[in-house]
C-alpha atoms as a PDB file:
ATOM      1  CA  MET A   1     -31.554  79.839-122.506  1.00  0.00           C
ATOM      2  CA  GLN A   2     -34.385  77.483-122.724  1.00  0.00           C
ATOM      3  CA  ARG A   3     -35.851  77.696-126.270  1.00  0.00           C
ATOM      4  CA  ILE A   4     -32.844  78.199-128.685  1.00  0.00           C
ATOM      5  CA  SER A   5     -32.745  78.567-132.557  1.00  0.00           C
ATOM      6  CA  VAL A   6     -29.500  77.767-134.112  1.00  0.00           C
ATOM      7  CA  VAL A   7     -29.055  79.400-137.645  1.00  0.00           C
ATOM      8  CA  GLY A   8     -26.525  79.938-140.194  1.00  0.00           C
ATOM      9  CA  SER A   9     -25.273  79.090-143.774  1.00  0.00           C
ATOM     10  CA  SER A  10     -25.233  75.422-144.947  1.00  0.00           C
ATOM     11  CA  GLY A  11     -22.106  73.800-143.522  1.00  0.00           C
ATOM     12  CA  ALA A  12     -21.635  76.403-140.495  1.00  0.00           C
ATOM     13  CA  GLY A  13     -22.152  73.774-138.043  1.00  0.00           C
ATOM     14  CA  LYS A  14     -25.548  74.177-136.879  1.00  0.00           C
ATOM     15  CA  THR A  15     -26.413  70.474-136.083  1.00  0.00           C
ATOM     16  CA  SER A  16     -23.119  69.835-134.456  1.00  0.00           C
ATOM     17  CA  LEU A  17     -23.419  72.798-132.170  1.00  0.00           C
ATOM     18  CA  ALA A  18     -27.041  72.165-131.296  1.00  0.00           C
ATOM     19  CA  ARG A  19     -26.176  68.568-130.292  1.00  0.00           C
ATOM     20  CA  VAL A  20     -23.556  69.722-128.031  1.00  0.00           C
ATOM     21  CA  ILE A  21     -25.685  72.342-126.335  1.00  0.00           C
ATOM     22  CA  SER A  22     -28.763  69.840-126.156  1.00  0.00           C
ATOM     23  CA  ALA A  23     -26.516  67.356-124.217  1.00  0.00           C
ATOM     24  CA  ARG A  24     -25.145  70.037-122.037  1.00  0.00           C
ATOM     25  CA  LEU A  25     -28.426  71.653-121.066  1.00  0.00           C
ATOM     26  CA  GLY A  26     -30.238  68.347-121.095  1.00  0.00           C
ATOM     27  CA  ILE A  27     -32.877  69.759-123.582  1.00  0.00           C
ATOM     28  CA  PRO A  28     -34.427  68.007-126.458  1.00  0.00           C
ATOM     29  CA  ARG A  29     -32.892  68.782-130.073  1.00  0.00           C
ATOM     30  CA  ILE A  30     -35.174  69.484-132.925  1.00  0.00           C
ATOM     31  CA  GLU A  31     -33.481  69.041-136.503  1.00  0.00           C
ATOM     32  CA  LEU A  32     -35.808  70.774-139.018  1.00  0.00           C
ATOM     33  CA  ASP A  33     -34.137  68.703-141.901  1.00  0.00           C
ATOM     34  CA  ALA A  34     -35.535  65.605-140.152  1.00  0.00           C
ATOM     35  CA  ILE A  35     -38.973  67.097-140.011  1.00  0.00           C
ATOM     36  CA  TYR A  36     -38.983  68.521-143.720  1.00  0.00           C
ATOM     37  CA  TRP A  37     -37.538  65.527-145.654  1.00  0.00           C
ATOM     38  CA  GLY A  38     -39.176  62.262-146.286  1.00  0.00           C
ATOM     39  CA  PRO A  39     -38.121  59.212-148.221  1.00  0.00           C
ATOM     40  CA  GLU A  40     -36.793  59.900-151.763  1.00  0.00           C
ATOM     41  CA  TRP A  41     -36.142  63.441-151.095  1.00  0.00           C
ATOM     42  CA  THR A  42     -39.850  64.225-150.942  1.00  0.00           C
ATOM     43  CA  HIS A  43     -40.674  66.950-148.520  1.00  0.00           C
ATOM     44  CA  LEU A  44     -43.594  68.378-146.548  1.00  0.00           C
ATOM     45  CA  ASP A  45     -45.329  71.494-147.958  1.00  0.00           C
ATOM     46  CA  ASP A  46     -45.276  74.636-146.270  1.00  0.00           C
ATOM     47  CA  GLU A  47     -48.324  74.251-144.372  1.00  0.00           C
ATOM     48  CA  GLU A  48     -47.718  70.850-143.137  1.00  0.00           C
ATOM     49  CA  PHE A  49     -44.204  71.640-142.250  1.00  0.00           C
ATOM     50  CA  GLY A  50     -45.503  74.604-140.253  1.00  0.00           C
ATOM     51  CA  VAL A  51     -48.018  72.363-138.265  1.00  0.00           C
ATOM     52  CA  GLU A  52     -45.379  69.618-137.514  1.00  0.00           C
ATOM     53  CA  VAL A  53     -42.748  72.486-136.308  1.00  0.00           C
ATOM     54  CA  ALA A  54     -45.151  74.232-134.266  1.00  0.00           C
ATOM     55  CA  ASP A  55     -46.002  70.906-132.392  1.00  0.00           C
ATOM     56  CA  ALA A  56     -42.391  70.152-131.835  1.00  0.00           C
ATOM     57  CA  VAL A  57     -41.585  73.722-130.314  1.00  0.00           C
ATOM     58  CA  ALA A  58     -44.699  73.644-128.079  1.00  0.00           C
ATOM     59  CA  GLY A  59     -42.724  72.591-124.955  1.00  0.00           C
ATOM     60  CA  ASP A  60     -40.910  74.668-122.494  1.00  0.00           C
ATOM     61  CA  THR A  61     -37.374  73.820-123.547  1.00  0.00           C
ATOM     62  CA  TRP A  62     -35.682  72.884-126.895  1.00  0.00           C
ATOM     63  CA  ILE A  63     -33.043  73.692-129.357  1.00  0.00           C
ATOM     64  CA  VAL A  64     -33.824  73.819-133.111  1.00  0.00           C
ATOM     65  CA  ASP A  65     -31.160  73.599-135.746  1.00  0.00           C
ATOM     66  CA  GLY A  66     -31.807  74.917-139.159  1.00  0.00           C
ATOM     67  CA  ASN A  67     -33.106  77.970-141.200  1.00  0.00           C
ATOM     68  CA  TYR A  68     -35.915  77.517-143.575  1.00  0.00           C
ATOM     69  CA  SER A  69     -36.482  81.225-143.506  1.00  0.00           C
ATOM     70  CA  SER A  70     -38.283  81.177-146.775  1.00  0.00           C
ATOM     71  CA  THR A  71     -41.076  79.299-145.103  1.00  0.00           C
ATOM     72  CA  PRO A  72     -43.293  80.518-142.266  1.00  0.00           C
ATOM     73  CA  VAL A  73     -41.339  78.011-139.900  1.00  0.00           C
ATOM     74  CA  GLN A  74     -38.693  80.388-138.740  1.00  0.00           C
ATOM     75  CA  GLU A  75     -41.348  82.955-137.507  1.00  0.00           C
ATOM     76  CA  ILE A  76     -42.956  80.099-135.668  1.00  0.00           C
ATOM     77  CA  ILE A  77     -39.679  79.202-133.884  1.00  0.00           C
ATOM     78  CA  TRP A  78     -38.570  82.762-133.239  1.00  0.00           C
ATOM     79  CA  GLY A  79     -41.793  83.614-131.906  1.00  0.00           C
ATOM     80  CA  ARG A  80     -41.386  81.001-129.030  1.00  0.00           C
ATOM     81  CA  ALA A  81     -37.601  81.300-128.831  1.00  0.00           C
ATOM     82  CA  ASP A  82     -35.652  83.101-126.171  1.00  0.00           C
ATOM     83  CA  THR A  83     -32.141  82.976-127.810  1.00  0.00           C
ATOM     84  CA  VAL A  84     -30.933  82.770-131.422  1.00  0.00           C
ATOM     85  CA  VAL A  85     -27.350  81.458-131.914  1.00  0.00           C
ATOM     86  CA  TRP A  86     -26.151  82.722-135.443  1.00  0.00           C
ATOM     87  CA  LEU A  87     -23.131  80.800-136.710  1.00  0.00           C
ATOM     88  CA  ASP A  88     -21.719  83.458-139.019  1.00  0.00           C
ATOM     89  CA  LEU A  89     -18.499  81.806-139.832  1.00  0.00           C
ATOM     90  CA  PRO A  90     -16.212  82.598-142.950  1.00  0.00           C
ATOM     91  CA  ARG A  91     -17.379  81.446-146.331  1.00  0.00           C
ATOM     92  CA  ARG A  92     -14.172  79.524-146.873  1.00  0.00           C
ATOM     93  CA  VAL A  93     -14.720  77.578-143.685  1.00  0.00           C
ATOM     94  CA  VAL A  94     -18.456  76.734-144.338  1.00  0.00           C
ATOM     95  CA  THR A  95     -17.692  75.798-148.120  1.00  0.00           C
ATOM     96  CA  TRP A  96     -14.886  73.402-146.999  1.00  0.00           C
ATOM     97  CA  ARG A  97     -17.054  71.909-144.284  1.00  0.00           C
ATOM     98  CA  VAL A  98     -19.939  71.253-146.605  1.00  0.00           C
ATOM     99  CA  LEU A  99     -17.714  69.813-149.479  1.00  0.00           C
ATOM    100  CA  ARG A 100     -15.986  67.515-146.941  1.00  0.00           C
ATOM    101  CA  ARG A 101     -19.272  66.293-145.539  1.00  0.00           C
ATOM    102  CA  SER A 102     -21.102  65.781-148.731  1.00  0.00           C
ATOM    103  CA  VAL A 103     -18.211  63.804-150.012  1.00  0.00           C
ATOM    104  CA  GLN A 104     -17.954  61.677-147.102  1.00  0.00           C
ATOM    105  CA  ARG A 105     -21.704  61.056-146.911  1.00  0.00           C
ATOM    106  CA  ALA A 106     -21.502  60.169-150.708  1.00  0.00           C
ATOM    107  CA  ALA A 107     -18.525  57.936-150.274  1.00  0.00           C
ATOM    108  CA  THR A 108     -20.003  55.972-147.215  1.00  0.00           C
ATOM    109  CA  GLY A 109     -23.608  55.914-148.229  1.00  0.00           C
ATOM    110  CA  GLU A 110     -24.490  57.251-144.912  1.00  0.00           C
ATOM    111  CA  GLN A 111     -28.220  57.615-144.325  1.00  0.00           C
ATOM    112  CA  MET A 112     -29.810  60.971-143.373  1.00  0.00           C
ATOM    113  CA  TRP A 113     -33.264  61.894-142.931  1.00  0.00           C
ATOM    114  CA  ALA A 114     -35.870  59.338-143.746  1.00  0.00           C
ATOM    115  CA  GLY A 115     -33.226  56.889-145.426  1.00  0.00           C
ATOM    116  CA  ASN A 116     -31.956  59.492-147.879  1.00  0.00           C
ATOM    117  CA  THR A 117     -28.545  59.479-149.027  1.00  0.00           C
ATOM    118  CA  GLU A 118     -26.035  62.027-150.662  1.00  0.00           C
ATOM    119  CA  ARG A 119     -25.790  61.373-154.419  1.00  0.00           C
ATOM    120  CA  TRP A 120     -22.348  61.664-156.185  1.00  0.00           C
ATOM    121  CA  SER A 121     -24.226  62.988-159.313  1.00  0.00           C
ATOM    122  CA  ASN A 122     -25.596  65.985-157.184  1.00  0.00           C
ATOM    123  CA  LEU A 123     -21.989  67.177-156.424  1.00  0.00           C
ATOM    124  CA  VAL A 124     -21.688  68.033-160.171  1.00  0.00           C
ATOM    125  CA  LYS A 125     -24.980  69.524-160.862  1.00  0.00           C
ATOM    126  CA  TRP A 126     -24.827  73.159-161.448  1.00  0.00           C
ATOM    127  CA  GLN A 127     -28.283  74.138-160.062  1.00  0.00           C
ATOM    128  CA  PRO A 128     -27.829  75.249-156.239  1.00  0.00           C
ATOM    129  CA  GLU A 129     -31.155  73.327-155.514  1.00  0.00           C
ATOM    130  CA  ASP A 130     -29.592  70.251-156.587  1.00  0.00           C
ATOM    131  CA  ASN A 131     -26.078  70.650-155.331  1.00  0.00           C
ATOM    132  CA  ILE A 132     -25.645  71.526-151.578  1.00  0.00           C
ATOM    133  CA  VAL A 133     -22.073  72.860-152.099  1.00  0.00           C
ATOM    134  CA  ARG A 134     -23.385  75.265-154.798  1.00  0.00           C
ATOM    135  CA  TRP A 135     -26.343  76.001-152.418  1.00  0.00           C
ATOM    136  CA  SER A 136     -24.008  76.996-149.648  1.00  0.00           C
ATOM    137  CA  TRP A 137     -21.821  79.125-151.840  1.00  0.00           C
ATOM    138  CA  THR A 138     -24.659  81.032-153.669  1.00  0.00           C
ATOM    139  CA  ARG A 139     -26.785  81.418-150.358  1.00  0.00           C
ATOM    140  CA  PHE A 140     -23.841  82.706-148.111  1.00  0.00           C
ATOM    141  CA  HIS A 141     -24.145  86.265-148.473  1.00  0.00           C
ATOM    142  CA  PRO A 142     -27.961  86.476-148.688  1.00  0.00           C
ATOM    143  CA  THR A 143     -27.988  84.456-145.380  1.00  0.00           C
ATOM    144  CA  ARG A 144     -25.701  86.756-143.763  1.00  0.00           C
ATOM    145  CA  GLU A 145     -27.699  89.771-144.964  1.00  0.00           C
ATOM    146  CA  LYS A 146     -30.902  88.325-143.766  1.00  0.00           C
ATOM    147  CA  TYR A 147     -29.716  87.543-140.107  1.00  0.00           C
ATOM    148  CA  ALA A 148     -27.823  90.841-139.698  1.00  0.00           C
ATOM    149  CA  ALA A 149     -31.253  92.649-140.752  1.00  0.00           C
ATOM    150  CA  ARG A 150     -33.302  90.390-138.298  1.00  0.00           C
ATOM    151  CA  MET A 151     -31.122  91.104-135.373  1.00  0.00           C
ATOM    152  CA  SER A 152     -32.261  94.724-135.717  1.00  0.00           C
ATOM    153  CA  ASP A 153     -35.927  93.960-136.586  1.00  0.00           C
ATOM    154  CA  GLN A 154     -38.027  95.019-133.608  1.00  0.00           C
ATOM    155  CA  ARG A 155     -40.266  91.956-134.290  1.00  0.00           C
ATOM    156  CA  TRP A 156     -37.386  90.054-132.654  1.00  0.00           C
ATOM    157  CA  LYS A 157     -36.565  92.398-129.772  1.00  0.00           C
ATOM    158  CA  HIS A 158     -37.360  89.666-127.304  1.00  0.00           C
ATOM    159  CA  LEU A 159     -34.710  87.529-128.507  1.00  0.00           C
ATOM    160  CA  THR A 160     -31.152  87.457-127.238  1.00  0.00           C
ATOM    161  CA  PHE A 161     -28.701  87.187-130.457  1.00  0.00           C
ATOM    162  CA  VAL A 162     -25.458  85.433-130.025  1.00  0.00           C
ATOM    163  CA  MET A 163     -23.433  85.812-133.156  1.00  0.00           C
ATOM    164  CA  LEU A 164     -20.439  83.541-133.425  1.00  0.00           C
ATOM    165  CA  ARG A 165     -17.887  84.282-136.124  1.00  0.00           C
ATOM    166  CA  SER A 166     -15.077  81.892-135.684  1.00  0.00           C
ATOM    167  CA  ARG A 167     -14.263  78.412-134.375  1.00  0.00           C
ATOM    168  CA  THR A 168     -12.538  80.121-131.393  1.00  0.00           C
ATOM    169  CA  GLU A 169     -15.824  82.001-130.410  1.00  0.00           C
ATOM    170  CA  VAL A 170     -17.992  78.891-130.951  1.00  0.00           C
ATOM    171  CA  ALA A 171     -15.521  77.090-128.479  1.00  0.00           C
ATOM    172  CA  GLN A 172     -15.610  79.796-125.957  1.00  0.00           C
ATOM    173  CA  PHE A 173     -19.282  80.134-126.073  1.00  0.00           C
ATOM    174  CA  LEU A 174     -19.420  76.123-125.447  1.00  0.00           C
ATOM    175  CA  GLU A 175     -16.974  76.696-122.550  1.00  0.00           C
ATOM    176  CA  GLN A 176     -19.763  78.692-120.855  1.00  0.00           C
ATOM    177  CA  ARG A 177     -22.382  76.150-121.113  1.00  0.00           C
END
């Protein structure tokens, strides 16, 4: 494992897992959200995002956390990757995690990418694009279906897929690293 993509639903633990693997293997971690999001929740367009990500994954070793599968970015990453770690934890686990994380961030004013913060008002908005908890809930099954299909897609036969479906499996995986 030299070039790793960590994917899964919002709240699955992609960033946390990537941090641990990065530290254990001594390879740089690339957080897609940090590239994509600018100040005041502005974001790069798909073309700029693709250029930035292609530059980030040009090296020999890295671990990327994030999906962005509706953009060309995932194809850029997977074209260079050797391993995909798919966190496919139960919906109740990821929903609880994303809710707890969002409330904590809003309460503490924790700064995320480019100085952005979680807004309390977003936690009550109905549109999934504005409410990360609803986003995670509504995108859970489509995300699962997408990655299940990609595991058997011949375009990605060069990749080693590691599917982790529970906290226990994540812990066992990390014990081997």
